[in-house]
């Protein structure tokens, strides 16, 4: 059925079952891309791994490490760091990390836009009333 629309059946699908653009793959063939963040996950650090594995790098490995080790572990492992000071992806221009990942990887899914507002409101104390 999707082939009628020029969509391969194994193409990643968004929440609305539309294809999405996937992102970074590890340069070391056969290795899972590692994404590193702070231990003791809360809102953004729970939502982002789901987003990464569902829409960006399906076989990603998520590592939770002490705050002061995030950037160094990501660098050492050849991965990406997120939701931590100095990380590859973090809060930017009033957006939470979840929103930044959606924007940077061009994930276009209407349902995710609604979800991003919920994650933002739960994660950014100043914007709890959105």
Protein backbone atom coordinates (compact mmCIF):
# COMPACT_ATOMS: atom_id res chain seq x y z
CA UNK A 1 0.00 0.00 0.00
CA UNK A 2 2.74 2.48 0.90
CA UNK A 3 4.64 1.49 -2.25
CA UNK A 4 1.86 3.23 -4.22
CA UNK A 5 3.10 6.46 -2.64
CA UNK A 6 6.77 5.73 -3.37
CA UNK A 7 7.50 4.79 0.24
CA UNK A 8 9.53 1.70 1.01
CA UNK A 9 7.91 -0.53 3.62
CA UNK A 10 10.99 -0.55 5.84
CA UNK A 11 11.34 3.25 5.86
CA UNK A 12 11.03 4.71 9.40
CA UNK A 13 7.54 6.04 10.08
CA UNK A 14 6.44 8.87 12.34
CA UNK A 15 3.52 8.76 14.73
CA UNK A 16 1.21 9.68 11.86
CA UNK A 17 2.77 6.82 9.82
CA UNK A 18 4.55 9.27 7.51
CA UNK A 19 8.19 8.69 6.58
CA UNK A 20 10.75 10.60 8.62
CA UNK A 21 14.33 11.61 7.92
CA UNK A 22 16.80 9.58 9.95
CA UNK A 23 20.14 10.91 11.03
CA UNK A 24 23.61 10.01 12.16
CA UNK A 25 25.03 6.53 11.87
CA UNK A 26 28.22 5.38 13.53
CA UNK A 27 31.29 5.49 11.32
CA UNK A 28 32.49 2.18 12.73
CA UNK A 29 30.48 -0.33 10.73
CA UNK A 30 28.57 -2.80 12.83
CA UNK A 31 28.74 -0.58 15.93
CA UNK A 32 25.70 1.02 17.48
CA UNK A 33 25.76 4.82 17.66
CA UNK A 34 26.09 5.80 21.31
CA UNK A 35 24.14 8.73 22.71
CA UNK A 36 25.29 9.90 26.13
CA UNK A 37 23.42 11.93 28.73
CA UNK A 38 23.28 12.56 32.47
CA UNK A 39 22.27 9.82 34.86
CA UNK A 40 19.00 10.00 36.83
CA UNK A 41 16.77 10.83 33.83
CA UNK A 42 13.82 13.15 34.08
CA UNK A 43 11.52 14.62 31.44
CA UNK A 44 13.87 15.53 28.56
CA UNK A 45 16.24 12.63 29.25
CA UNK A 46 13.34 10.19 29.10
CA UNK A 47 11.66 11.67 26.02
CA UNK A 48 14.87 12.17 23.99
CA UNK A 49 16.05 8.54 24.02
CA UNK A 50 12.60 7.48 22.81
CA UNK A 51 12.78 10.10 20.02
CA UNK A 52 16.33 9.09 19.07
CA UNK A 53 15.54 5.36 18.89
CA UNK A 54 12.18 5.79 17.17
CA UNK A 55 12.98 8.52 14.63
CA UNK A 56 16.70 9.30 14.38
CA UNK A 57 18.94 6.25 14.98
CA UNK A 58 16.78 3.16 15.59
CA UNK A 59 19.64 1.01 16.86
CA UNK A 60 21.16 3.71 19.08
CA UNK A 61 22.59 2.78 22.45
CA UNK A 62 21.75 5.25 25.23
CA UNK A 63 24.32 5.70 28.01
CA UNK A 64 23.54 7.44 31.30
CA UNK A 65 26.66 8.67 33.08
CA UNK A 66 27.54 11.22 35.80
CA UNK A 67 27.02 14.82 34.64
CA UNK A 68 30.73 15.66 34.59
CA UNK A 69 31.52 12.67 32.33
CA UNK A 70 28.89 13.12 29.58
CA UNK A 71 30.93 15.04 27.00
CA UNK A 72 34.13 13.04 27.61
CA UNK A 73 32.36 9.65 27.35
CA UNK A 74 30.57 10.70 24.14
CA UNK A 75 33.87 11.83 22.61
CA UNK A 76 35.69 8.66 23.69
CA UNK A 77 32.90 6.40 22.38
CA UNK A 78 32.50 8.29 19.10
CA UNK A 79 28.92 9.15 20.03
CA UNK A 80 26.70 12.16 20.60
CA UNK A 81 26.01 13.89 23.90
CA UNK A 82 22.66 15.42 24.85
CA UNK A 83 20.80 17.36 27.53
CA UNK A 84 23.89 18.45 29.45
CA UNK A 85 26.03 21.58 29.53
CA UNK A 86 28.53 21.48 26.66
CA UNK A 87 26.66 18.63 24.92
CA UNK A 88 26.13 18.30 21.18
CA UNK A 89 22.39 18.75 21.74
CA UNK A 90 20.83 20.69 24.58
CA UNK A 91 18.46 23.53 25.36
CA UNK A 92 18.83 26.22 22.70
CA UNK A 93 16.96 29.43 21.85
CA UNK A 94 14.19 28.68 24.34
CA UNK A 95 13.73 25.09 23.14
CA UNK A 96 14.24 21.96 25.21
CA UNK A 97 16.53 19.21 23.93
CA UNK A 98 13.60 17.19 22.55
CA UNK A 99 12.59 20.16 20.37
CA UNK A 100 16.20 20.77 19.29
CA UNK A 101 16.58 17.15 18.14
CA UNK A 102 13.34 17.35 16.15
CA UNK A 103 14.55 20.54 14.49
CA UNK A 104 18.14 19.46 13.83
CA UNK A 105 17.17 16.09 12.34
CA UNK A 106 14.24 17.46 10.34
CA UNK A 107 11.73 15.10 11.91
CA UNK A 108 8.42 16.25 10.48
CA UNK A 109 5.50 14.64 12.18
CA UNK A 110 2.45 16.58 13.35
CA UNK A 111 1.90 14.35 16.37
CA UNK A 112 5.52 14.93 17.47
CA UNK A 113 4.97 18.68 17.35
CA UNK A 114 2.16 18.28 19.92
CA UNK A 115 4.32 15.96 21.97
CA UNK A 116 7.19 18.47 21.85
CA UNK A 117 4.94 21.10 23.48
CA UNK A 118 4.11 18.67 26.28
CA UNK A 119 7.77 17.75 26.85
CA UNK A 120 8.74 21.42 26.76
CA UNK A 121 6.07 22.40 29.28
CA UNK A 122 7.08 19.58 31.62
CA UNK A 123 10.83 20.24 31.26
CA UNK A 124 11.14 24.03 31.21
CA UNK A 125 9.99 25.37 34.57
CA UNK A 126 9.41 28.91 33.25
CA UNK A 127 7.05 27.62 30.56
CA UNK A 128 4.86 25.27 32.59
CA UNK A 129 1.73 27.15 31.54
CA UNK A 130 2.04 26.59 27.77
